[in-house]
Amino acid sequence: MKIYTKKGDTGKTSLIGGTRVPKHHQRIVAYGTVDELNSWIGLLRDQNIEVNEKKALVEIQDRLFTIGSQLANDTDKSKMKLPQILEEDILFLEKEIDRLNETLPKMKSFVLPGGHTVVSYAHVARCVCRRAEREVSLLSVNEKINPILLKYLNRLSDYLFVLARKLSVFFDVQEIPWKPKM
């Protein structure tokens, strides 16, 4: 199988089902942002972090491919059976958040992202996740999408924030509280 088809040379691409759309179509922007998020999570997973976190990130990457396939699907024309995001996927994230939160100090203010490269990767992934959520939300204004996709992305950004905090503890870096200048 060749990786290049030349079909996208004119600025259009195909959805699952064959519908051709411009590469700047909101559906493409949405699943492209999910793909970008998946790559950032892959970078985070490649770091020297605990095995439990690596396993959770692999599960999340699988779910992000599922979301991408859902967003790339033209439900009017496609007959392809695709994997689904389920409530249990959201429960997985919630359990992971709770597990990570058990050992973290109470948060008394917003914290500045950073302190260690790996912590920063988690914060970048969180920001890209929020952007993906915004893009999918915008897509949902004009096209039918399963609302559970938004729910998953919202919970995932929470997970990535808590993971960043956990990584601060793991790498023994002090969180810097945000102290607004008044």
Protein backbone atom coordinates (compact mmCIF):
# COMPACT_ATOMS: atom_id res chain seq x y z
CA MET A 1 0.00 0.00 0.00
CA LYS A 2 1.40 3.37 -0.97
CA ILE A 3 1.15 6.13 1.60
CA TYR A 4 0.51 8.76 -1.05
CA THR A 5 -2.65 8.72 -3.12
CA LYS A 6 -2.35 12.20 -4.69
CA LYS A 7 -6.10 12.64 -4.09
CA GLY A 8 -5.45 15.41 -1.58
CA ASP A 9 -3.26 17.48 -3.87
CA THR A 10 -6.10 19.90 -4.61
CA GLY A 11 -6.87 20.65 -0.96
CA LYS A 12 -9.66 18.13 -0.50
CA THR A 13 -9.85 14.89 1.46
CA SER A 14 -12.33 12.06 1.91
CA LEU A 15 -14.40 11.25 4.94
CA ILE A 16 -15.22 7.65 5.82
CA GLY A 17 -18.03 6.97 3.37
CA GLY A 18 -16.34 8.76 0.48
CA THR A 19 -17.64 12.31 0.83
CA ARG A 20 -15.01 14.80 -0.35
CA VAL A 21 -14.55 17.93 1.75
CA PRO A 22 -12.00 20.76 1.85
CA LYS A 23 -9.10 20.10 4.21
CA HIS A 24 -10.13 23.19 6.16
CA HIS A 25 -13.64 21.76 6.81
CA GLN A 26 -14.56 21.92 10.50
CA ARG A 27 -14.79 18.12 10.65
CA ILE A 28 -11.18 17.83 9.44
CA VAL A 29 -10.03 20.55 11.85
CA ALA A 30 -11.72 18.71 14.73
CA TYR A 31 -10.24 15.28 14.06
CA GLY A 32 -6.89 16.82 13.12
CA THR A 33 -6.74 18.46 16.53
CA VAL A 34 -7.60 15.13 18.18
CA ASP A 35 -4.75 13.59 16.17
CA GLU A 36 -2.40 16.33 17.37
CA LEU A 37 -3.48 15.63 20.94
CA ASN A 38 -2.78 11.94 20.42
CA SER A 39 0.76 12.78 19.31
CA TRP A 40 1.38 14.98 22.36
CA ILE A 41 0.14 12.17 24.59
CA GLY A 42 2.51 9.82 22.77
CA LEU A 43 5.38 12.19 23.55
CA LEU A 44 4.29 12.30 27.18
CA ARG A 45 4.07 8.49 27.29
CA ASP A 46 7.63 8.25 25.94
CA GLN A 47 9.02 10.02 28.99
CA ASN A 48 10.43 8.48 32.15
CA ILE A 49 7.13 8.17 34.01
CA GLU A 50 5.49 5.47 36.11
CA VAL A 51 4.18 2.32 34.41
CA ASN A 52 0.58 2.95 35.58
CA GLU A 53 0.56 6.32 33.85
CA LYS A 54 2.05 4.83 30.67
CA LYS A 55 -0.68 2.18 30.61
CA ALA A 56 -3.39 4.79 31.11
CA LEU A 57 -1.94 6.91 28.30
CA VAL A 58 -1.95 3.94 25.89
CA GLU A 59 -5.64 3.40 26.71
CA ILE A 60 -6.31 7.10 26.13
CA GLN A 61 -4.50 7.03 22.79
CA ASP A 62 -6.70 4.15 21.68
CA ARG A 63 -9.79 6.12 22.66
CA LEU A 64 -8.53 9.18 20.78
CA PHE A 65 -8.23 7.09 17.61
CA THR A 66 -11.84 6.05 18.22
CA ILE A 67 -12.89 9.69 18.54
CA GLY A 68 -10.98 10.55 15.36
CA SER A 69 -12.74 7.78 13.45
CA GLN A 70 -16.12 8.99 14.71
CA LEU A 71 -15.34 12.54 13.60
CA ALA A 72 -14.06 11.36 10.20
CA ASN A 73 -17.20 9.33 9.54
CA ASP A 74 -19.91 10.56 7.18
CA THR A 75 -22.81 8.87 8.95
CA ASP A 76 -25.12 9.51 5.98
CA LYS A 77 -22.95 7.57 3.53
CA SER A 78 -20.76 5.22 5.53
CA LYS A 79 -21.81 1.68 6.35
CA MET A 80 -18.55 0.96 8.17
CA LYS A 81 -18.84 -0.32 11.74
CA LEU A 82 -16.63 1.83 13.94
CA PRO A 83 -15.55 1.55 17.57
CA GLN A 84 -17.50 3.72 20.01
CA ILE A 85 -16.74 5.84 23.05
CA LEU A 86 -18.71 4.45 25.98
CA GLU A 87 -19.61 5.64 29.47
CA GLU A 88 -17.06 3.13 30.77
CA ASP A 89 -14.34 5.12 28.98
CA ILE A 90 -15.32 8.20 30.93
CA LEU A 91 -15.46 6.18 34.15
CA PHE A 92 -11.92 4.99 33.41
CA LEU A 93 -10.74 8.61 33.29
CA GLU A 94 -12.61 9.47 36.47
CA LYS A 95 -11.07 6.52 38.32
CA GLU A 96 -7.62 7.54 37.11
CA ILE A 97 -8.21 11.13 38.24
CA ASP A 98 -9.31 9.89 41.66
CA ARG A 99 -6.31 7.54 41.91
CA LEU A 100 -3.85 10.29 41.02
CA ASN A 101 -5.55 12.82 43.29
CA GLU A 102 -5.24 10.60 46.37
CA THR A 103 -1.60 11.52 46.93
CA LEU A 104 -1.66 15.15 45.80
CA PRO A 105 -1.60 18.14 48.12
CA LYS A 106 -4.78 20.24 48.22
CA MET A 107 -4.91 22.89 45.57
CA LYS A 108 -5.30 26.38 47.01
CA SER A 109 -4.83 28.38 43.81
CA PHE A 110 -4.17 28.00 40.13
CA VAL A 111 -0.66 26.78 39.40
CA LEU A 112 1.68 27.99 36.70
CA PRO A 113 2.34 25.31 34.08
CA GLY A 114 5.92 24.07 34.10
CA GLY A 115 8.63 23.12 36.55
CA HIS A 116 9.91 20.14 34.56
CA THR A 117 9.85 19.29 30.86
CA VAL A 118 7.58 16.27 31.41
CA VAL A 119 5.14 18.33 33.49
CA SER A 120 5.10 20.89 30.69
CA TYR A 121 4.30 18.17 28.13
CA ALA A 122 1.26 17.23 30.23
CA HIS A 123 0.12 20.86 30.32
CA VAL A 124 0.60 21.25 26.55
CA ALA A 125 -1.45 18.09 26.02
CA ARG A 126 -4.14 19.53 28.33
CA CYS A 127 -4.27 22.74 26.29
CA VAL A 128 -4.47 20.85 22.99
CA CYS A 129 -7.22 18.71 24.52
CA ARG A 130 -9.18 21.87 25.39
CA ARG A 131 -8.72 23.09 21.81
CA ALA A 132 -9.94 19.74 20.48
CA GLU A 133 -12.98 20.06 22.73
CA ARG A 134 -13.68 23.54 21.35
CA GLU A 135 -13.31 22.32 17.76
CA VAL A 136 -15.66 19.37 18.32
CA SER A 137 -18.12 21.70 20.08
CA LEU A 138 -18.06 24.04 17.08
CA LEU A 139 -18.57 21.09 14.74
CA SER A 140 -21.60 20.01 16.77
CA VAL A 141 -23.33 23.32 16.00
CA ASN A 142 -23.85 22.33 12.35
CA GLU A 143 -23.34 18.57 12.26
CA LYS A 144 -24.58 15.71 14.34
CA ILE A 145 -21.93 14.26 16.64
CA ASN A 146 -22.31 11.95 19.57
CA PRO A 147 -22.31 14.16 22.73
CA ILE A 148 -20.22 11.58 24.57
CA LEU A 149 -17.22 12.70 22.49
CA LEU A 150 -17.37 16.13 24.12
CA LYS A 151 -17.84 14.57 27.53
CA TYR A 152 -14.77 12.37 27.03
CA LEU A 153 -12.59 15.29 25.89
CA ASN A 154 -13.75 17.41 28.82
CA ARG A 155 -12.88 14.65 31.30
CA LEU A 156 -9.59 14.00 29.54
CA SER A 157 -8.46 17.59 30.02
CA ASP A 158 -9.22 17.20 33.74
CA TYR A 159 -7.17 13.99 33.78
CA LEU A 160 -4.23 15.71 32.06
CA PHE A 161 -4.29 18.55 34.61
CA VAL A 162 -4.22 16.10 37.52
CA LEU A 163 -1.53 14.06 35.76
CA ALA A 164 0.60 17.21 35.44
CA ARG A 165 0.24 17.77 39.18
CA LYS A 166 1.14 14.12 39.88
CA LEU A 167 4.18 14.43 37.64
CA SER A 168 5.28 17.51 39.61
CA VAL A 169 5.32 15.31 42.72
CA PHE A 170 7.03 12.44 40.87
CA PHE A 171 9.81 14.72 39.62
CA ASP A 172 9.97 16.57 42.95
CA VAL A 173 9.30 20.00 41.51
CA GLN A 174 7.45 22.65 43.42
CA GLU A 175 4.20 23.90 41.92
CA ILE A 176 4.25 27.66 41.62
CA PRO A 177 0.92 29.14 42.64
CA TRP A 178 -0.48 31.89 40.49
CA LYS A 179 -0.53 35.11 42.47
CA PRO A 180 -2.25 37.74 40.38
CA LYS A 181 -0.84 41.25 40.58
CA MET A 182 -3.53 43.65 41.64
